[in-house]
N, C-alpha and C. Protein backbone atom coordinates (compact mmCIF):
# COMPACT_ATOMS: atom_id res chain seq x y z
N MET A 1 48.07 22.79 44.17
CA MET A 1 48.27 22.06 42.95
C MET A 1 46.93 21.58 42.38
N ILE A 2 46.06 21.07 43.24
CA ILE A 2 44.75 20.62 42.77
C ILE A 2 43.94 21.82 42.28
N GLY A 3 44.05 22.96 42.94
CA GLY A 3 43.34 24.16 42.54
C GLY A 3 43.77 24.65 41.18
N ARG A 4 45.03 24.42 40.84
CA ARG A 4 45.55 24.86 39.56
C ARG A 4 44.93 24.08 38.40
N PHE A 5 44.61 22.83 38.64
CA PHE A 5 44.00 21.99 37.59
C PHE A 5 42.47 21.98 37.66
N ALA A 6 41.92 22.39 38.78
CA ALA A 6 40.47 22.32 38.95
C ALA A 6 39.74 23.25 38.00
N LEU A 7 40.21 24.48 37.85
CA LEU A 7 39.53 25.44 36.99
C LEU A 7 39.56 25.01 35.51
N PRO A 8 40.69 24.61 34.94
CA PRO A 8 40.66 24.15 33.54
C PRO A 8 39.80 22.90 33.34
N VAL A 9 39.84 21.99 34.32
CA VAL A 9 39.01 20.79 34.21
C VAL A 9 37.54 21.17 34.27
N LEU A 10 37.19 22.08 35.18
CA LEU A 10 35.80 22.53 35.30
C LEU A 10 35.34 23.22 34.02
N VAL A 11 36.18 24.06 33.45
CA VAL A 11 35.84 24.74 32.19
C VAL A 11 35.69 23.72 31.06
N GLY A 12 36.58 22.73 31.04
CA GLY A 12 36.48 21.69 30.01
C GLY A 12 35.22 20.87 30.14
N VAL A 13 34.87 20.50 31.37
CA VAL A 13 33.64 19.73 31.59
C VAL A 13 32.43 20.57 31.24
N LEU A 14 32.44 21.84 31.62
CA LEU A 14 31.31 22.72 31.29
C LEU A 14 31.19 22.89 29.77
N GLY A 15 32.32 23.06 29.09
CA GLY A 15 32.30 23.18 27.63
C GLY A 15 31.79 21.92 26.96
N ALA A 16 32.22 20.77 27.48
CA ALA A 16 31.75 19.50 26.92
C ALA A 16 30.25 19.34 27.15
N ALA A 17 29.77 19.72 28.32
CA ALA A 17 28.34 19.61 28.62
C ALA A 17 27.53 20.54 27.71
N LEU A 18 28.03 21.76 27.50
CA LEU A 18 27.33 22.68 26.61
C LEU A 18 27.35 22.17 25.16
N GLY A 19 28.47 21.63 24.74
CA GLY A 19 28.55 21.06 23.39
C GLY A 19 27.61 19.89 23.21
N TRP A 20 27.55 19.04 24.21
CA TRP A 20 26.64 17.89 24.15
C TRP A 20 25.19 18.36 24.13
N GLY A 21 24.87 19.39 24.93
CA GLY A 21 23.52 19.95 24.93
C GLY A 21 23.16 20.54 23.57
N ALA A 22 24.12 21.25 22.95
CA ALA A 22 23.88 21.81 21.62
C ALA A 22 23.67 20.70 20.59
N LEU A 23 24.46 19.63 20.71
CA LEU A 23 24.31 18.50 19.81
C LEU A 23 22.93 17.85 19.96
N LEU A 24 22.50 17.66 21.20
CA LEU A 24 21.18 17.09 21.44
C LEU A 24 20.07 18.00 20.93
N HIS A 25 20.26 19.31 21.09
CA HIS A 25 19.25 20.26 20.60
C HIS A 25 19.14 20.20 19.08
N SER A 26 20.27 20.17 18.39
CA SER A 26 20.22 20.11 16.92
C SER A 26 19.63 18.78 16.45
N GLU A 27 19.95 17.70 17.13
CA GLU A 27 19.37 16.39 16.79
C GLU A 27 17.86 16.40 17.01
N ASN A 28 17.43 17.04 18.09
CA ASN A 28 16.00 17.14 18.39
C ASN A 28 15.29 17.95 17.30
N GLN A 29 15.89 19.05 16.87
CA GLN A 29 15.29 19.86 15.81
C GLN A 29 15.20 19.09 14.50
N ARG A 30 16.22 18.30 14.20
CA ARG A 30 16.20 17.48 12.99
C ARG A 30 15.07 16.46 13.06
N LEU A 31 14.89 15.85 14.24
CA LEU A 31 13.83 14.86 14.40
C LEU A 31 12.44 15.51 14.31
N VAL A 32 12.31 16.72 14.83
CA VAL A 32 11.03 17.43 14.74
C VAL A 32 10.69 17.71 13.27
N ARG A 33 11.69 18.15 12.50
CA ARG A 33 11.45 18.39 11.07
C ARG A 33 11.10 17.09 10.35
N GLN A 34 11.79 16.01 10.70
CA GLN A 34 11.51 14.72 10.07
C GLN A 34 10.10 14.25 10.41
N ILE A 35 9.66 14.47 11.64
CA ILE A 35 8.30 14.10 12.04
C ILE A 35 7.28 14.90 11.23
N ALA A 36 7.56 16.20 11.03
CA ALA A 36 6.64 17.02 10.24
C ALA A 36 6.55 16.52 8.80
N VAL A 37 7.68 16.14 8.23
CA VAL A 37 7.68 15.60 6.86
C VAL A 37 6.90 14.30 6.80
N LEU A 38 7.15 13.41 7.75
CA LEU A 38 6.46 12.11 7.75
C LEU A 38 4.97 12.29 8.00
N ASP A 39 4.61 13.26 8.84
CA ASP A 39 3.20 13.53 9.09
C ASP A 39 2.51 14.01 7.81
N GLY A 40 3.20 14.87 7.06
CA GLY A 40 2.65 15.32 5.78
C GLY A 40 2.50 14.19 4.79
N GLN A 41 3.49 13.30 4.74
CA GLN A 41 3.40 12.16 3.83
C GLN A 41 2.26 11.23 4.24
N LEU A 42 2.10 11.02 5.54
CA LEU A 42 1.03 10.16 6.02
C LEU A 42 -0.33 10.76 5.72
N SER A 43 -0.46 12.07 5.88
CA SER A 43 -1.73 12.73 5.55
C SER A 43 -2.04 12.57 4.06
N GLY A 44 -1.01 12.69 3.23
CA GLY A 44 -1.22 12.49 1.79
C GLY A 44 -1.66 11.08 1.47
N CYS A 45 -1.05 10.11 2.13
CA CYS A 45 -1.44 8.70 1.91
C CYS A 45 -2.87 8.45 2.37
N GLN A 46 -3.24 9.05 3.50
CA GLN A 46 -4.60 8.87 3.99
C GLN A 46 -5.60 9.49 3.03
N ALA A 47 -5.27 10.65 2.48
CA ALA A 47 -6.17 11.29 1.52
C ALA A 47 -6.30 10.45 0.26
N ARG A 48 -5.18 9.90 -0.22
CA ARG A 48 -5.25 9.05 -1.41
C ARG A 48 -6.08 7.80 -1.15
N THR A 49 -5.90 7.21 0.01
CA THR A 49 -6.67 6.01 0.37
C THR A 49 -8.15 6.34 0.45
N ARG A 50 -8.48 7.48 1.04
CA ARG A 50 -9.88 7.89 1.14
C ARG A 50 -10.47 8.12 -0.26
N ASN A 51 -9.69 8.75 -1.15
CA ASN A 51 -10.17 8.97 -2.51
C ASN A 51 -10.39 7.66 -3.26
N ILE A 52 -9.48 6.72 -3.09
CA ILE A 52 -9.63 5.41 -3.75
C ILE A 52 -10.87 4.70 -3.22
N THR A 53 -11.08 4.75 -1.90
CA THR A 53 -12.25 4.10 -1.30
C THR A 53 -13.53 4.74 -1.81
N GLU A 54 -13.57 6.07 -1.85
CA GLU A 54 -14.76 6.76 -2.36
C GLU A 54 -14.98 6.44 -3.84
N ASP A 55 -13.91 6.35 -4.60
CA ASP A 55 -14.03 6.02 -6.02
C ASP A 55 -14.57 4.61 -6.21
N LYS A 56 -14.10 3.67 -5.42
CA LYS A 56 -14.61 2.30 -5.51
C LYS A 56 -16.09 2.25 -5.14
N GLN A 57 -16.48 2.99 -4.11
CA GLN A 57 -17.90 3.03 -3.73
C GLN A 57 -18.73 3.65 -4.84
N SER A 58 -18.20 4.71 -5.45
CA SER A 58 -18.90 5.35 -6.56
C SER A 58 -19.01 4.39 -7.75
N ASP A 59 -17.94 3.68 -8.05
CA ASP A 59 -17.97 2.71 -9.14
C ASP A 59 -18.98 1.60 -8.86
N ALA A 60 -19.09 1.21 -7.61
CA ALA A 60 -20.04 0.15 -7.25
C ALA A 60 -21.47 0.61 -7.49
N THR A 61 -21.78 1.86 -7.23
CA THR A 61 -23.14 2.34 -7.46
C THR A 61 -23.41 2.50 -8.95
N VAL A 62 -22.41 2.90 -9.72
CA VAL A 62 -22.60 3.06 -11.16
C VAL A 62 -22.76 1.70 -11.82
N ALA A 63 -22.06 0.70 -11.33
CA ALA A 63 -22.13 -0.63 -11.92
C ALA A 63 -23.46 -1.32 -11.63
N ASP A 64 -24.20 -0.82 -10.69
CA ASP A 64 -25.48 -1.42 -10.34
C ASP A 64 -26.59 -0.65 -11.06
N PRO A 65 -27.19 -1.21 -12.12
CA PRO A 65 -28.20 -0.47 -12.89
C PRO A 65 -29.48 -0.21 -12.12
N ARG A 66 -29.67 -0.86 -11.01
CA ARG A 66 -30.88 -0.62 -10.23
C ARG A 66 -30.84 0.72 -9.50
N THR A 67 -29.69 1.34 -9.42
CA THR A 67 -29.58 2.57 -8.64
C THR A 67 -29.91 3.82 -9.45
N TYR A 68 -30.07 3.71 -10.76
CA TYR A 68 -30.39 4.88 -11.56
C TYR A 68 -31.19 4.47 -12.80
N HIS A 69 -31.84 5.45 -13.39
CA HIS A 69 -32.67 5.21 -14.57
C HIS A 69 -31.94 5.74 -15.80
N VAL A 70 -31.85 4.90 -16.84
CA VAL A 70 -31.23 5.30 -18.11
C VAL A 70 -32.33 5.40 -19.14
N PRO A 71 -32.55 6.58 -19.72
CA PRO A 71 -33.58 6.72 -20.74
C PRO A 71 -33.25 5.88 -21.98
N GLU A 72 -34.29 5.42 -22.65
CA GLU A 72 -34.11 4.57 -23.83
C GLU A 72 -33.36 5.31 -24.94
N ARG A 73 -33.55 6.61 -25.05
CA ARG A 73 -32.89 7.37 -26.11
C ARG A 73 -31.38 7.40 -25.93
N TRP A 74 -30.91 7.14 -24.72
CA TRP A 74 -29.46 7.07 -24.49
C TRP A 74 -28.90 5.73 -24.99
N LEU A 75 -29.72 4.70 -24.96
CA LEU A 75 -29.25 3.37 -25.30
C LEU A 75 -29.40 3.04 -26.78
N LEU A 76 -30.45 3.55 -27.41
CA LEU A 76 -30.72 3.23 -28.81
C LEU A 76 -30.36 4.42 -29.70
N PRO A 77 -29.83 4.16 -30.87
CA PRO A 77 -29.50 5.27 -31.77
C PRO A 77 -30.78 5.94 -32.27
N ASP A 78 -30.67 7.20 -32.57
CA ASP A 78 -31.80 7.96 -33.09
C ASP A 78 -31.99 7.61 -34.57
N PRO A 79 -33.16 7.04 -34.95
CA PRO A 79 -33.35 6.64 -36.36
C PRO A 79 -33.38 7.84 -37.29
N ASP A 80 -33.76 9.00 -36.81
CA ASP A 80 -33.81 10.19 -37.67
C ASP A 80 -32.41 10.74 -37.95
N ALA A 81 -31.46 10.45 -37.10
CA ALA A 81 -30.10 10.97 -37.29
C ALA A 81 -29.43 10.32 -38.50
N ALA A 82 -29.81 9.11 -38.85
CA ALA A 82 -29.18 8.41 -39.98
C ALA A 82 -29.62 9.00 -41.31
N ARG A 83 -30.75 9.68 -41.36
CA ARG A 83 -31.28 10.23 -42.61
C ARG A 83 -30.59 11.52 -43.02
N ASP A 84 -29.87 12.13 -42.11
CA ASP A 84 -29.25 13.43 -42.43
C ASP A 84 -28.16 13.32 -43.40
């Protein structure tokens, strides 16, 4: 009598274990894809942050007139241009 029920119970337990393993595998694959997406988003954020930092550093050098020479002709209008 026990032998008659042992095989169906064993098959049921084996099927449940395989189903659970398949479920865990699909969940793992979903998490791997989600990690890849988040990694891409994080890389994009890091690149944007780096660009903003470099832009602020560049703006700081442009705002400091001691770092470059501006010719007088750039600052004053050309008196000959008004005669045209």
